[in-house]
Every structure is written in C-alpha cells, then in structure tokens.
Amino acid sequence: GNVNFPSFIGVLDGAVHDVIFDKPYINCTCSQADRVAVVAGWAGRSAGDITAEITNVEVRDADVNVQGAYASPTGILAGQANNATFTGCKVSGSVTAAGTSAECNIGGVIGEIDDKCSVSNITSDVEVTVENTSRVIGGCIGSVRQACTIEDVHHKGILRIGGSGADYSGHLIGHIAGKVVVRNCSTEGSFSGSGKNSGGLIGSFFSGGSGSLVGTGGTV
C-alpha cells in the first residue's frame, strides 16, 4: 500500500534553509509505516541520488500528535533521514505519540537517522511523551544507524515514557548502532518511565568498535 508522510514536505530531495515555522500543528492517526514531522517526513532517501539539506531552520513551539499502530518514525525536523545534512537549526515544542507498534522510532527533533547523515549545531527544547509500547525513544533523536556524525547538538527538555516502556530510550539519543560519532553534545532536563535499555544520555550504543563518544554529557 501507499506510505504517507504527514509533514510540510513529504520527501525532501533538495534543500530547505533560512525558514521559520511558527507554532506548527500536526495531529494524525497512522495506519501504515508513516514518517511524521513538521519539516520533512523523509529527508533524503536510501535509494538512488536523493539527498537533503536542512540549514538554519527554526521550528517554534511545534505541537506534533501521533496515534495509531504505526506511529513511526516521528520527529519535529524529520521523521526519517537518509543521505541528509542538518545544520544550524533550532527546535522547540512537543511530540506526543500513542500507539502499539513494536517498530516505533520517536525523537523530539528526528525520529530515525540512517546511513550517510550529519547533524551539527542544533539546539532543542522539546517535551516528548510516549504511551504504550514503543521500540526506540529519544528526547532529541530516536535512533542513529550506520555511518553518521552527531556534533554540537545541545538538547534540553522532558522525556516521559508510559505503559510498558521502550526497548531503547535515552534523554539525548535512544539507540545507536554502527559507525556513529557523537561529539561535543549535551542534554539536560528530566526523564521518567521504564524500559529495557535506558540512559540519561544514550539508551544503547552498539558501535562494533567503529563509533565514538567524545566530549558529551548532561544533567538529567
């Protein structure tokens, strides 16, 4: 069936820069593996030469509400990212998700980051509330996989996880797997809820000896 992208830009192949989104609101019920975000549901794509750049974008007081069995991936800047660059962005608002999907990837800023992505000079103040079962939850970023760099990302906010908790959850990033570098990042705020692999900074970091965590910490 079709895959939906509740967002201002469904699939971003190109660049968005120097734009302000003031008090955007998304309220949707997902019936498939949707990508939900204010700016881009899917930034770049894993296949072909589709790439994305989001630069100097500010999202103010966003209100993103997602329900349904497949509320995944979800964030304010992007739901999912492949072959994408995020630089110099500011994000504030809330993300609320209530669903039953075991494959859910929720982040305050980006839900899921996959191969060949970089995120740098990002500040965020986001409240994330998730009810029922979800796989990966991050206050800032849900999951990061493959060859990606996360640098100078500074997050503060509230992370609440209800129900039976998440498989992976972290106040900054929920789950990292692969050749991922996290450098000079910070997080502060509060984190409540339960789960199998939870962390005040990162829920889990499986680098296989190829990733690194440098100059990063927080107060949660």
N, C-alpha and C. Protein backbone atom coordinates (compact mmCIF):
# COMPACT_ATOMS: atom_id res chain seq x y z
N GLY A 1 0.82 -1.19 0.00
CA GLY A 1 0.00 0.00 0.00
C GLY A 1 0.86 1.24 0.00
N ASN A 2 0.23 2.40 -0.02
CA ASN A 2 0.94 3.66 -0.03
C ASN A 2 1.51 3.98 1.34
N VAL A 3 2.59 4.72 1.34
CA VAL A 3 3.19 5.20 2.58
C VAL A 3 2.94 6.70 2.65
N ASN A 4 2.41 7.17 3.75
CA ASN A 4 2.04 8.57 3.91
C ASN A 4 3.11 9.32 4.69
N PHE A 5 3.16 10.64 4.46
CA PHE A 5 4.15 11.49 5.11
C PHE A 5 3.48 12.76 5.62
N PRO A 6 2.82 12.71 6.76
CA PRO A 6 2.21 13.92 7.31
C PRO A 6 3.28 14.94 7.70
N SER A 7 3.50 15.96 6.86
CA SER A 7 4.55 16.94 7.05
C SER A 7 4.38 18.04 6.02
N PHE A 8 5.13 19.15 6.17
CA PHE A 8 5.09 20.19 5.15
C PHE A 8 5.72 19.70 3.85
N ILE A 9 6.80 18.94 3.95
CA ILE A 9 7.43 18.35 2.77
C ILE A 9 7.47 16.84 2.98
N GLY A 10 6.78 16.10 2.14
CA GLY A 10 6.71 14.65 2.34
C GLY A 10 8.07 14.00 2.24
N VAL A 11 8.67 14.02 1.04
CA VAL A 11 10.02 13.52 0.82
C VAL A 11 10.86 14.70 0.34
N LEU A 12 11.90 15.04 1.08
CA LEU A 12 12.75 16.17 0.73
C LEU A 12 13.93 15.70 -0.12
N ASP A 13 13.97 16.12 -1.37
CA ASP A 13 15.08 15.90 -2.28
C ASP A 13 15.57 17.28 -2.70
N GLY A 14 16.51 17.83 -1.92
CA GLY A 14 16.94 19.20 -2.15
C GLY A 14 17.27 19.87 -0.84
N ALA A 15 17.03 21.19 -0.76
CA ALA A 15 17.46 21.96 0.41
C ALA A 15 16.33 22.84 0.94
N VAL A 16 16.28 22.95 2.26
CA VAL A 16 15.43 23.92 2.95
C VAL A 16 16.35 24.73 3.85
N HIS A 17 16.31 26.06 3.72
CA HIS A 17 17.21 26.87 4.53
C HIS A 17 16.59 28.23 4.86
N ASP A 18 16.99 28.78 6.01
CA ASP A 18 16.57 30.11 6.45
C ASP A 18 15.06 30.27 6.46
N VAL A 19 14.39 29.32 7.10
CA VAL A 19 12.93 29.33 7.20
C VAL A 19 12.53 29.21 8.66
N ILE A 20 11.46 29.92 9.05
CA ILE A 20 10.91 29.80 10.40
C ILE A 20 9.51 29.19 10.30
N PHE A 21 9.28 28.13 11.06
CA PHE A 21 7.96 27.53 11.20
C PHE A 21 7.44 27.92 12.59
N ASP A 22 6.41 28.75 12.64
CA ASP A 22 5.92 29.29 13.91
C ASP A 22 4.64 28.58 14.33
N LYS A 23 4.71 27.91 15.47
CA LYS A 23 3.58 27.19 16.06
C LYS A 23 2.90 26.21 15.09
N PRO A 24 3.66 25.35 14.43
CA PRO A 24 3.04 24.34 13.55
C PRO A 24 2.35 23.26 14.37
N TYR A 25 1.29 22.69 13.80
CA TYR A 25 0.49 21.69 14.50
C TYR A 25 0.23 20.52 13.56
N ILE A 26 0.51 19.32 14.06
CA ILE A 26 0.21 18.10 13.32
C ILE A 26 -0.54 17.16 14.26
N ASN A 27 -1.67 16.67 13.79
CA ASN A 27 -2.46 15.71 14.56
C ASN A 27 -2.92 14.63 13.58
N CYS A 28 -2.38 13.42 13.71
CA CYS A 28 -2.71 12.40 12.72
C CYS A 28 -2.81 11.02 13.36
N THR A 29 -3.58 10.18 12.71
CA THR A 29 -3.69 8.77 13.07
C THR A 29 -3.07 7.96 11.95
N CYS A 30 -2.04 7.20 12.26
CA CYS A 30 -1.29 6.47 11.25
C CYS A 30 -1.79 5.03 11.15
N SER A 31 -2.00 4.59 9.93
CA SER A 31 -2.43 3.21 9.71
C SER A 31 -1.36 2.40 8.98
N GLN A 32 -0.24 3.05 8.62
CA GLN A 32 0.85 2.36 7.94
C GLN A 32 2.17 2.85 8.54
N ALA A 33 3.28 2.43 7.94
CA ALA A 33 4.60 2.85 8.43
C ALA A 33 4.90 4.26 7.93
N ASP A 34 4.19 5.23 8.48
CA ASP A 34 4.31 6.61 8.05
C ASP A 34 5.58 7.26 8.60
N ARG A 35 5.95 8.40 8.01
CA ARG A 35 7.02 9.25 8.53
C ARG A 35 6.38 10.60 8.85
N VAL A 36 6.47 11.02 10.09
CA VAL A 36 5.74 12.20 10.55
C VAL A 36 6.71 13.25 11.06
N ALA A 37 6.57 14.49 10.59
CA ALA A 37 7.42 15.59 11.03
C ALA A 37 6.82 16.91 10.58
N VAL A 38 7.30 18.01 11.15
CA VAL A 38 6.88 19.33 10.69
C VAL A 38 7.53 19.65 9.35
N VAL A 39 8.85 19.53 9.26
CA VAL A 39 9.56 19.98 8.06
C VAL A 39 9.55 18.92 6.97
N ALA A 40 10.12 17.75 7.21
CA ALA A 40 10.19 16.71 6.19
C ALA A 40 9.88 15.35 6.79
N GLY A 41 8.90 14.66 6.24
CA GLY A 41 8.60 13.31 6.70
C GLY A 41 9.79 12.39 6.49
N TRP A 42 10.36 12.46 5.28
CA TRP A 42 11.55 11.68 4.95
C TRP A 42 12.55 12.62 4.30
N ALA A 43 13.66 12.89 4.97
CA ALA A 43 14.70 13.77 4.46
C ALA A 43 15.74 12.93 3.74
N GLY A 44 15.81 13.04 2.40
CA GLY A 44 16.67 12.16 1.62
C GLY A 44 16.06 10.78 1.54
N ARG A 45 16.72 9.89 0.82
CA ARG A 45 16.27 8.51 0.73
C ARG A 45 17.49 7.61 0.61
N SER A 46 17.33 6.38 0.98
CA SER A 46 18.44 5.43 0.94
C SER A 46 18.75 4.95 -0.47
N ALA A 47 17.78 5.02 -1.35
CA ALA A 47 17.99 4.54 -2.72
C ALA A 47 18.22 5.71 -3.67
N GLY A 48 19.04 5.49 -4.69
CA GLY A 48 19.24 6.50 -5.71
C GLY A 48 20.07 7.68 -5.22
N ASP A 49 19.86 8.83 -5.86
CA ASP A 49 20.67 10.01 -5.54
C ASP A 49 19.85 11.09 -4.84
N ILE A 50 18.84 10.70 -4.09
CA ILE A 50 18.01 11.66 -3.35
C ILE A 50 18.74 12.07 -2.08
N THR A 51 19.05 13.35 -1.97
CA THR A 51 19.74 13.88 -0.79
C THR A 51 18.97 15.07 -0.25
N ALA A 52 19.24 15.42 1.01
CA ALA A 52 18.52 16.53 1.64
C ALA A 52 19.46 17.37 2.49
N GLU A 53 19.18 18.67 2.53
CA GLU A 53 19.88 19.60 3.41
C GLU A 53 18.86 20.48 4.11
N ILE A 54 18.93 20.52 5.43
CA ILE A 54 18.09 21.41 6.23
C ILE A 54 19.02 22.30 7.04
N THR A 55 19.05 23.59 6.69
CA THR A 55 20.05 24.50 7.23
C THR A 55 19.40 25.78 7.76
N ASN A 56 19.80 26.18 8.96
CA ASN A 56 19.31 27.42 9.57
C ASN A 56 17.78 27.49 9.56
N VAL A 57 17.17 26.39 9.92
CA VAL A 57 15.71 26.32 10.03
C VAL A 57 15.33 26.38 11.51
N GLU A 58 14.33 27.19 11.82
CA GLU A 58 13.85 27.29 13.20
C GLU A 58 12.39 26.85 13.24
N VAL A 59 12.10 25.94 14.16
CA VAL A 59 10.73 25.50 14.39
C VAL A 59 10.36 25.91 15.81
N ARG A 60 9.37 26.79 15.92
CA ARG A 60 9.00 27.35 17.21
C ARG A 60 7.69 26.76 17.71
N ASP A 61 7.71 26.25 18.94
CA ASP A 61 6.50 25.79 19.62
C ASP A 61 5.68 24.82 18.77
N ALA A 62 6.33 23.83 18.23
CA ALA A 62 5.63 22.80 17.46
C ALA A 62 4.77 21.94 18.37
N ASP A 63 3.68 21.43 17.83
CA ASP A 63 2.80 20.51 18.55
C ASP A 63 2.50 19.35 17.61
N VAL A 64 3.18 18.23 17.84
CA VAL A 64 3.05 17.05 16.98
C VAL A 64 2.38 15.94 17.78
N ASN A 65 1.23 15.48 17.31
CA ASN A 65 0.48 14.42 17.98
C ASN A 65 0.24 13.28 17.00
N VAL A 66 0.66 12.08 17.40
CA VAL A 66 0.54 10.91 16.52
C VAL A 66 -0.13 9.78 17.28
N GLN A 67 -1.08 9.13 16.63
CA GLN A 67 -1.75 7.97 17.21
C GLN A 67 -1.79 6.87 16.17
N GLY A 68 -2.04 5.65 16.64
CA GLY A 68 -2.19 4.54 15.72
C GLY A 68 -1.11 3.50 15.89
N ALA A 69 -1.29 2.39 15.21
CA ALA A 69 -0.42 1.24 15.38
C ALA A 69 0.96 1.43 14.76
N TYR A 70 1.10 2.39 13.85
CA TYR A 70 2.38 2.56 13.16
C TYR A 70 2.85 4.01 13.24
N ALA A 71 2.90 4.55 14.43
CA ALA A 71 3.36 5.93 14.62
C ALA A 71 4.88 5.99 14.57
N SER A 72 5.45 5.82 13.38
CA SER A 72 6.90 5.67 13.28
C SER A 72 7.36 5.97 11.87
N PRO A 73 8.52 6.58 11.69
CA PRO A 73 9.28 7.36 12.65
C PRO A 73 8.70 8.78 12.78
N THR A 74 8.93 9.43 13.90
CA THR A 74 8.33 10.73 14.17
C THR A 74 9.33 11.67 14.82
N GLY A 75 9.38 12.92 14.35
CA GLY A 75 10.19 13.97 14.95
C GLY A 75 9.65 15.31 14.52
N ILE A 76 10.29 16.40 14.94
CA ILE A 76 9.84 17.73 14.53
C ILE A 76 10.54 18.17 13.25
N LEU A 77 11.85 18.03 13.16
CA LEU A 77 12.55 18.38 11.91
C LEU A 77 12.31 17.34 10.83
N ALA A 78 12.48 16.06 11.18
CA ALA A 78 12.31 14.99 10.20
C ALA A 78 11.87 13.72 10.90
N GLY A 79 11.02 12.94 10.21
CA GLY A 79 10.65 11.64 10.74
C GLY A 79 11.79 10.65 10.55
N GLN A 80 12.26 10.53 9.31
CA GLN A 80 13.38 9.65 8.99
C GLN A 80 14.35 10.40 8.08
N ALA A 81 15.65 10.11 8.20
CA ALA A 81 16.67 10.78 7.39
C ALA A 81 17.66 9.77 6.82
N ASN A 82 17.93 9.89 5.53
CA ASN A 82 18.99 9.13 4.84
C ASN A 82 19.69 10.11 3.90
N ASN A 83 21.00 10.04 3.82
CA ASN A 83 21.73 10.95 2.93
C ASN A 83 21.32 12.40 3.17
N ALA A 84 21.33 12.81 4.44
CA ALA A 84 20.81 14.14 4.80
C ALA A 84 21.78 14.87 5.72
N THR A 85 21.72 16.21 5.64
CA THR A 85 22.53 17.07 6.47
C THR A 85 21.63 18.07 7.19
N PHE A 86 21.80 18.17 8.51
CA PHE A 86 21.06 19.12 9.32
C PHE A 86 22.07 20.04 10.00
N THR A 87 21.98 21.35 9.78
CA THR A 87 22.97 22.28 10.31
C THR A 87 22.31 23.57 10.79
N GLY A 88 22.71 24.02 11.99
CA GLY A 88 22.31 25.33 12.48
C GLY A 88 20.82 25.51 12.71
N CYS A 89 20.15 24.48 13.20
CA CYS A 89 18.70 24.55 13.40
C CYS A 89 18.33 24.70 14.87
N LYS A 90 17.17 25.34 15.12
CA LYS A 90 16.62 25.48 16.46
C LYS A 90 15.22 24.90 16.47
N VAL A 91 14.94 24.10 17.51
CA VAL A 91 13.66 23.40 17.57
C VAL A 91 13.08 23.51 18.97
N SER A 92 11.80 23.84 19.06
CA SER A 92 11.12 23.83 20.36
C SER A 92 9.69 23.34 20.16
N GLY A 93 9.11 22.76 21.22
CA GLY A 93 7.74 22.28 21.13
C GLY A 93 7.55 20.96 21.83
N SER A 94 6.61 20.17 21.33
CA SER A 94 6.29 18.89 21.97
C SER A 94 5.95 17.84 20.92
N VAL A 95 6.25 16.59 21.27
CA VAL A 95 5.88 15.43 20.47
C VAL A 95 5.16 14.45 21.38
N THR A 96 3.96 14.07 20.99
CA THR A 96 3.17 13.12 21.77
C THR A 96 2.77 11.96 20.87
N ALA A 97 3.08 10.75 21.28
CA ALA A 97 2.77 9.58 20.47
C ALA A 97 2.09 8.52 21.32
N ALA A 98 1.03 7.95 20.79
CA ALA A 98 0.32 6.87 21.46
C ALA A 98 0.01 5.80 20.42
N GLY A 99 0.68 4.66 20.52
CA GLY A 99 0.46 3.61 19.54
C GLY A 99 0.88 2.27 20.10
N THR A 100 0.86 1.27 19.25
CA THR A 100 1.20 -0.08 19.70
C THR A 100 2.28 -0.72 18.84
N SER A 101 2.96 0.07 18.02
CA SER A 101 3.94 -0.50 17.11
C SER A 101 5.23 -0.89 17.83
N ALA A 102 5.69 -2.10 17.59
CA ALA A 102 6.96 -2.53 18.17
C ALA A 102 8.16 -1.96 17.42
N GLU A 103 7.91 -1.28 16.29
CA GLU A 103 9.00 -0.73 15.48
C GLU A 103 9.03 0.80 15.56
N CYS A 104 8.44 1.36 16.56
CA CYS A 104 8.30 2.81 16.67
C CYS A 104 9.65 3.48 16.95
N ASN A 105 9.99 4.54 16.20
CA ASN A 105 11.18 5.34 16.43
C ASN A 105 10.75 6.79 16.60
N ILE A 106 10.82 7.29 17.82
CA ILE A 106 10.34 8.62 18.14
C ILE A 106 11.49 9.47 18.67
N GLY A 107 11.61 10.70 18.15
CA GLY A 107 12.59 11.66 18.67
C GLY A 107 11.99 13.05 18.70
N GLY A 108 12.43 13.86 19.64
CA GLY A 108 11.93 15.21 19.70
C GLY A 108 12.28 16.02 18.46
N VAL A 109 13.46 15.78 17.90
CA VAL A 109 13.93 16.50 16.72
C VAL A 109 13.88 15.63 15.47
N ILE A 110 14.48 14.43 15.53
CA ILE A 110 14.48 13.50 14.40
C ILE A 110 14.15 12.11 14.93
N GLY A 111 13.25 11.41 14.26
CA GLY A 111 12.86 10.08 14.73
C GLY A 111 13.90 9.02 14.46
N GLU A 112 14.38 8.95 13.22
CA GLU A 112 15.31 7.89 12.82
C GLU A 112 16.33 8.45 11.84
N ILE A 113 17.62 8.27 12.14
CA ILE A 113 18.70 8.70 11.26
C ILE A 113 19.43 7.46 10.77
N ASP A 114 19.52 7.34 9.44
CA ASP A 114 20.18 6.18 8.86
C ASP A 114 21.47 6.61 8.17
N ASP A 115 21.94 5.83 7.25
CA ASP A 115 23.27 5.96 6.68
C ASP A 115 23.54 7.33 6.04
N LYS A 116 24.81 7.78 6.15
CA LYS A 116 25.32 8.97 5.46
C LYS A 116 24.58 10.25 5.84
N CYS A 117 24.44 10.46 7.14
CA CYS A 117 23.81 11.68 7.64
C CYS A 117 24.75 12.41 8.60
N SER A 118 24.60 13.73 8.65
CA SER A 118 25.31 14.52 9.65
C SER A 118 24.36 15.52 10.28
N VAL A 119 24.51 15.69 11.58
CA VAL A 119 23.69 16.61 12.35
C VAL A 119 24.63 17.47 13.17
N SER A 120 24.58 18.80 12.99
CA SER A 120 25.53 19.67 13.70
C SER A 120 24.90 21.01 14.04
N ASN A 121 25.36 21.56 15.16
CA ASN A 121 24.93 22.89 15.62
C ASN A 121 23.41 22.99 15.73
N ILE A 122 22.85 22.06 16.50
CA ILE A 122 21.40 22.01 16.72
C ILE A 122 21.11 22.31 18.18
N THR A 123 20.14 23.18 18.45
CA THR A 123 19.66 23.40 19.81
C THR A 123 18.17 23.06 19.84
N SER A 124 17.77 22.37 20.91
CA SER A 124 16.38 21.94 21.00
C SER A 124 15.87 22.01 22.42
N ASP A 125 14.60 22.32 22.55
CA ASP A 125 13.89 22.33 23.83
C ASP A 125 12.54 21.69 23.56
N VAL A 126 12.47 20.37 23.77
CA VAL A 126 11.30 19.61 23.33
C VAL A 126 10.82 18.70 24.45
N GLU A 127 9.51 18.63 24.62
CA GLU A 127 8.88 17.70 25.55
C GLU A 127 8.33 16.52 24.76
N VAL A 128 8.79 15.32 25.09
CA VAL A 128 8.36 14.11 24.39
C VAL A 128 7.60 13.21 25.35
N THR A 129 6.39 12.83 24.96
CA THR A 129 5.56 11.95 25.77
C THR A 129 5.09 10.78 24.91
N VAL A 130 5.39 9.58 25.34
CA VAL A 130 5.04 8.38 24.57
C VAL A 130 4.28 7.42 25.47
N GLU A 131 3.14 6.93 24.98
CA GLU A 131 2.34 5.97 25.73
C GLU A 131 2.29 4.65 24.98
N ASN A 132 2.14 3.57 25.73
CA ASN A 132 2.08 2.21 25.19
C ASN A 132 3.44 1.77 24.66
N THR A 133 3.49 0.66 23.99
CA THR A 133 4.76 0.04 23.61
C THR A 133 5.42 0.77 22.44
N SER A 134 6.69 1.08 22.58
CA SER A 134 7.46 1.68 21.50
C SER A 134 8.86 1.09 21.54
N ARG A 135 9.50 1.02 20.39
CA ARG A 135 10.80 0.36 20.33
C ARG A 135 11.94 1.29 20.76
N VAL A 136 12.04 2.48 20.11
CA VAL A 136 13.16 3.38 20.36
C VAL A 136 12.64 4.79 20.59
N ILE A 137 13.03 5.38 21.72
CA ILE A 137 12.57 6.73 22.06
C ILE A 137 13.78 7.56 22.47
N GLY A 138 13.90 8.76 21.89
CA GLY A 138 14.94 9.70 22.29
C GLY A 138 14.37 11.08 22.51
N GLY A 139 14.84 11.76 23.55
CA GLY A 139 14.37 13.11 23.78
C GLY A 139 14.69 14.03 22.62
N CYS A 140 15.85 13.83 22.00
CA CYS A 140 16.26 14.60 20.83
C CYS A 140 16.20 13.77 19.55
N ILE A 141 16.88 12.63 19.53
CA ILE A 141 16.93 11.76 18.36
C ILE A 141 16.56 10.34 18.78
N GLY A 142 15.67 9.71 18.03
CA GLY A 142 15.27 8.34 18.37
C GLY A 142 16.39 7.35 18.16
N SER A 143 16.75 7.09 16.91
CA SER A 143 17.81 6.12 16.62
C SER A 143 18.77 6.67 15.57
N VAL A 144 20.03 6.23 15.66
CA VAL A 144 21.07 6.60 14.69
C VAL A 144 21.77 5.32 14.27
N ARG A 145 21.88 5.11 12.95
CA ARG A 145 22.48 3.87 12.47
C ARG A 145 23.45 4.15 11.33
N GLN A 146 24.41 3.25 11.17
CA GLN A 146 25.39 3.27 10.08
C GLN A 146 26.36 4.44 10.23
N ALA A 147 26.85 4.99 9.12
CA ALA A 147 27.91 6.00 9.13
C ALA A 147 27.32 7.40 9.26
N CYS A 148 27.24 7.89 10.49
CA CYS A 148 26.65 9.20 10.74
C CYS A 148 27.47 9.95 11.79
N THR A 149 27.38 11.28 11.74
CA THR A 149 28.06 12.14 12.71
C THR A 149 27.05 13.05 13.39
N ILE A 150 27.07 13.07 14.72
CA ILE A 150 26.22 13.95 15.52
C ILE A 150 27.16 14.86 16.30
N GLU A 151 27.13 16.18 16.04
CA GLU A 151 28.13 17.08 16.62
C GLU A 151 27.48 18.40 17.04
N ASP A 152 27.89 18.87 18.24
CA ASP A 152 27.40 20.15 18.76
C ASP A 152 25.88 20.21 18.75
N VAL A 153 25.28 19.17 19.30
CA VAL A 153 23.83 19.13 19.49
C VAL A 153 23.55 19.34 20.97
N HIS A 154 22.76 20.33 21.31
CA HIS A 154 22.50 20.69 22.69
C HIS A 154 20.99 20.68 22.93
N HIS A 155 20.59 19.72 23.74
CA HIS A 155 19.16 19.45 23.94
C HIS A 155 18.78 19.64 25.41
N LYS A 156 17.60 20.19 25.60
CA LYS A 156 17.00 20.18 26.94
C LYS A 156 15.51 19.92 26.78
N GLY A 157 14.94 19.33 27.82
CA GLY A 157 13.52 19.03 27.72
C GLY A 157 13.09 17.95 28.69
N ILE A 158 11.90 17.47 28.48
CA ILE A 158 11.27 16.45 29.32
C ILE A 158 10.97 15.24 28.46
N LEU A 159 11.34 14.06 28.95
CA LEU A 159 11.03 12.80 28.28
C LEU A 159 10.21 11.94 29.21
N ARG A 160 8.99 11.59 28.78
CA ARG A 160 8.10 10.73 29.57
C ARG A 160 7.73 9.51 28.75
N ILE A 161 7.90 8.35 29.35
CA ILE A 161 7.56 7.10 28.67
C ILE A 161 6.58 6.33 29.56
N GLY A 162 5.38 6.11 29.04
CA GLY A 162 4.36 5.41 29.81
C GLY A 162 4.18 3.98 29.34
N GLY A 163 3.20 3.31 29.90
CA GLY A 163 2.91 1.94 29.52
C GLY A 163 4.01 0.99 29.91
N SER A 164 4.31 0.03 29.04
CA SER A 164 5.31 -0.99 29.34
C SER A 164 6.74 -0.55 29.02
N GLY A 165 6.89 0.70 28.57
CA GLY A 165 8.23 1.22 28.33
C GLY A 165 8.72 0.95 26.93
N ALA A 166 10.00 1.26 26.71
CA ALA A 166 10.61 1.11 25.39
C ALA A 166 11.76 0.12 25.44
N ASP A 167 12.10 -0.44 24.29
CA ASP A 167 13.27 -1.31 24.22
C ASP A 167 14.55 -0.51 24.43
N TYR A 168 14.61 0.71 23.83
CA TYR A 168 15.76 1.59 23.96
C TYR A 168 15.27 3.02 24.17
N SER A 169 15.80 3.70 25.16
CA SER A 169 15.38 5.07 25.40
C SER A 169 16.50 5.87 26.05
N GLY A 170 16.67 7.11 25.58
CA GLY A 170 17.69 7.98 26.14
C GLY A 170 17.24 9.43 26.05
N HIS A 171 17.70 10.25 26.99
CA HIS A 171 17.27 11.64 27.01
C HIS A 171 17.80 12.40 25.79
N LEU A 172 19.00 12.04 25.32
CA LEU A 172 19.54 12.64 24.10
C LEU A 172 19.24 11.77 22.89
N ILE A 173 19.70 10.51 22.90
CA ILE A 173 19.51 9.57 21.80
C ILE A 173 19.06 8.23 22.36
N GLY A 174 18.06 7.63 21.74
CA GLY A 174 17.56 6.35 22.23
C GLY A 174 18.47 5.18 21.94
N HIS A 175 18.96 5.07 20.70
CA HIS A 175 19.71 3.89 20.29
C HIS A 175 20.70 4.26 19.19
N ILE A 176 21.94 3.77 19.31
CA ILE A 176 22.98 3.99 18.29
C ILE A 176 23.53 2.64 17.88
N ALA A 177 23.67 2.42 16.57
CA ALA A 177 24.26 1.18 16.06
C ALA A 177 25.10 1.50 14.84
N GLY A 178 26.36 1.05 14.83
CA GLY A 178 27.20 1.24 13.67
C GLY A 178 28.27 2.29 13.85
N LYS A 179 28.81 2.75 12.75
CA LYS A 179 29.93 3.69 12.74
C LYS A 179 29.41 5.11 12.94
N VAL A 180 29.05 5.41 14.17
CA VAL A 180 28.46 6.69 14.52
C VAL A 180 29.40 7.45 15.46
N VAL A 181 29.62 8.72 15.17
CA VAL A 181 30.44 9.58 16.02
C VAL A 181 29.54 10.62 16.67
N VAL A 182 29.59 10.70 17.99
CA VAL A 182 28.85 11.72 18.75
C VAL A 182 29.88 12.60 19.44
N ARG A 183 29.89 13.89 19.12
CA ARG A 183 30.95 14.77 19.60
C ARG A 183 30.38 16.10 20.12
N ASN A 184 30.83 16.50 21.31
CA ASN A 184 30.51 17.81 21.88
C ASN A 184 29.00 18.06 21.95
N CYS A 185 28.29 17.09 22.48
CA CYS A 185 26.84 17.21 22.64
C CYS A 185 26.47 17.26 24.12
N SER A 186 25.29 17.79 24.42
CA SER A 186 24.86 17.88 25.82
C SER A 186 23.35 17.74 25.90
N THR A 187 22.90 17.36 27.09
CA THR A 187 21.47 17.25 27.34
C THR A 187 21.18 17.60 28.80
N GLU A 188 20.01 18.19 29.04
CA GLU A 188 19.58 18.48 30.41
C GLU A 188 18.06 18.47 30.47
N GLY A 189 17.55 18.13 31.64
CA GLY A 189 16.11 18.07 31.83
C GLY A 189 15.71 16.89 32.67
N SER A 190 14.55 16.30 32.40
CA SER A 190 14.06 15.18 33.20
C SER A 190 13.63 14.03 32.31
N PHE A 191 13.69 12.82 32.89
CA PHE A 191 13.40 11.59 32.17
C PHE A 191 12.65 10.67 33.13
N SER A 192 11.42 10.29 32.77
CA SER A 192 10.64 9.39 33.61
C SER A 192 10.07 8.27 32.75
N GLY A 193 9.95 7.09 33.34
CA GLY A 193 9.42 5.95 32.62
C GLY A 193 10.32 4.74 32.79
N SER A 194 9.95 3.68 32.10
CA SER A 194 10.68 2.42 32.24
C SER A 194 11.04 1.88 30.87
N GLY A 195 11.93 0.91 30.86
CA GLY A 195 12.32 0.28 29.61
C GLY A 195 13.45 -0.71 29.83
N LYS A 196 13.81 -1.42 28.77
CA LYS A 196 14.85 -2.44 28.88
C LYS A 196 16.25 -1.84 28.87
N ASN A 197 16.48 -0.85 28.01
CA ASN A 197 17.80 -0.22 27.89
C ASN A 197 17.60 1.28 27.92
N SER A 198 17.80 1.88 29.08
CA SER A 198 17.53 3.30 29.25
C SER A 198 18.78 4.02 29.75
N GLY A 199 18.95 5.28 29.31
CA GLY A 199 20.08 6.07 29.75
C GLY A 199 19.75 7.54 29.83
N GLY A 200 20.36 8.23 30.79
CA GLY A 200 20.16 9.66 30.88
C GLY A 200 20.71 10.39 29.67
N LEU A 201 21.70 9.80 29.00
CA LEU A 201 22.28 10.39 27.80
C LEU A 201 21.88 9.58 26.56
N ILE A 202 22.31 8.31 26.50
CA ILE A 202 22.04 7.42 25.37
C ILE A 202 21.54 6.09 25.92
N GLY A 203 20.47 5.57 25.33
CA GLY A 203 19.92 4.30 25.81
C GLY A 203 20.84 3.13 25.54
N SER A 204 21.38 3.05 24.34
CA SER A 204 22.32 1.98 23.98
C SER A 204 23.23 2.47 22.86
N PHE A 205 24.49 1.96 22.87
CA PHE A 205 25.48 2.38 21.88
C PHE A 205 26.23 1.13 21.43
N PHE A 206 25.81 0.54 20.30
CA PHE A 206 26.45 -0.64 19.74
C PHE A 206 27.26 -0.22 18.52
N SER A 207 28.51 0.12 18.72
CA SER A 207 29.32 0.65 17.62
C SER A 207 30.13 -0.42 16.91
N GLY A 208 30.28 -1.59 17.52
CA GLY A 208 31.12 -2.62 16.93
C GLY A 208 32.57 -2.21 16.84
N GLY A 209 32.97 -1.29 17.73
CA GLY A 209 34.35 -0.82 17.76
C GLY A 209 34.66 0.26 16.74
N SER A 210 33.65 0.73 15.99
CA SER A 210 33.90 1.72 14.93
C SER A 210 33.32 3.08 15.23
N GLY A 211 32.56 3.22 16.31
CA GLY A 211 31.97 4.51 16.67
C GLY A 211 32.69 5.14 17.83
N SER A 212 32.31 6.39 18.18
CA SER A 212 32.97 7.07 19.29
C SER A 212 32.06 8.09 19.93
N LEU A 213 32.29 8.35 21.22
CA LEU A 213 31.56 9.32 22.00
C LEU A 213 32.59 10.25 22.62
N VAL A 214 32.60 11.52 22.21
CA VAL A 214 33.66 12.46 22.61
C VAL A 214 33.04 13.74 23.15
N GLY A 215 33.52 14.18 24.33
CA GLY A 215 33.12 15.48 24.85
C GLY A 215 31.63 15.68 25.02
N THR A 216 30.93 14.63 25.46
CA THR A 216 29.47 14.66 25.52
C THR A 216 29.01 14.28 26.92
N GLY A 217 28.01 15.02 27.46
CA GLY A 217 27.50 14.72 28.78
C GLY A 217 26.20 15.46 29.01
N GLY A 218 25.71 15.41 30.26
CA GLY A 218 24.45 16.10 30.54
C GLY A 218 24.05 15.97 31.99
N THR A 219 22.94 16.64 32.33
CA THR A 219 22.35 16.59 33.65
C THR A 219 20.89 16.22 33.50
N VAL A 220 20.52 15.02 33.95
CA VAL A 220 19.15 14.54 33.80
C VAL A 220 18.67 14.01 35.13
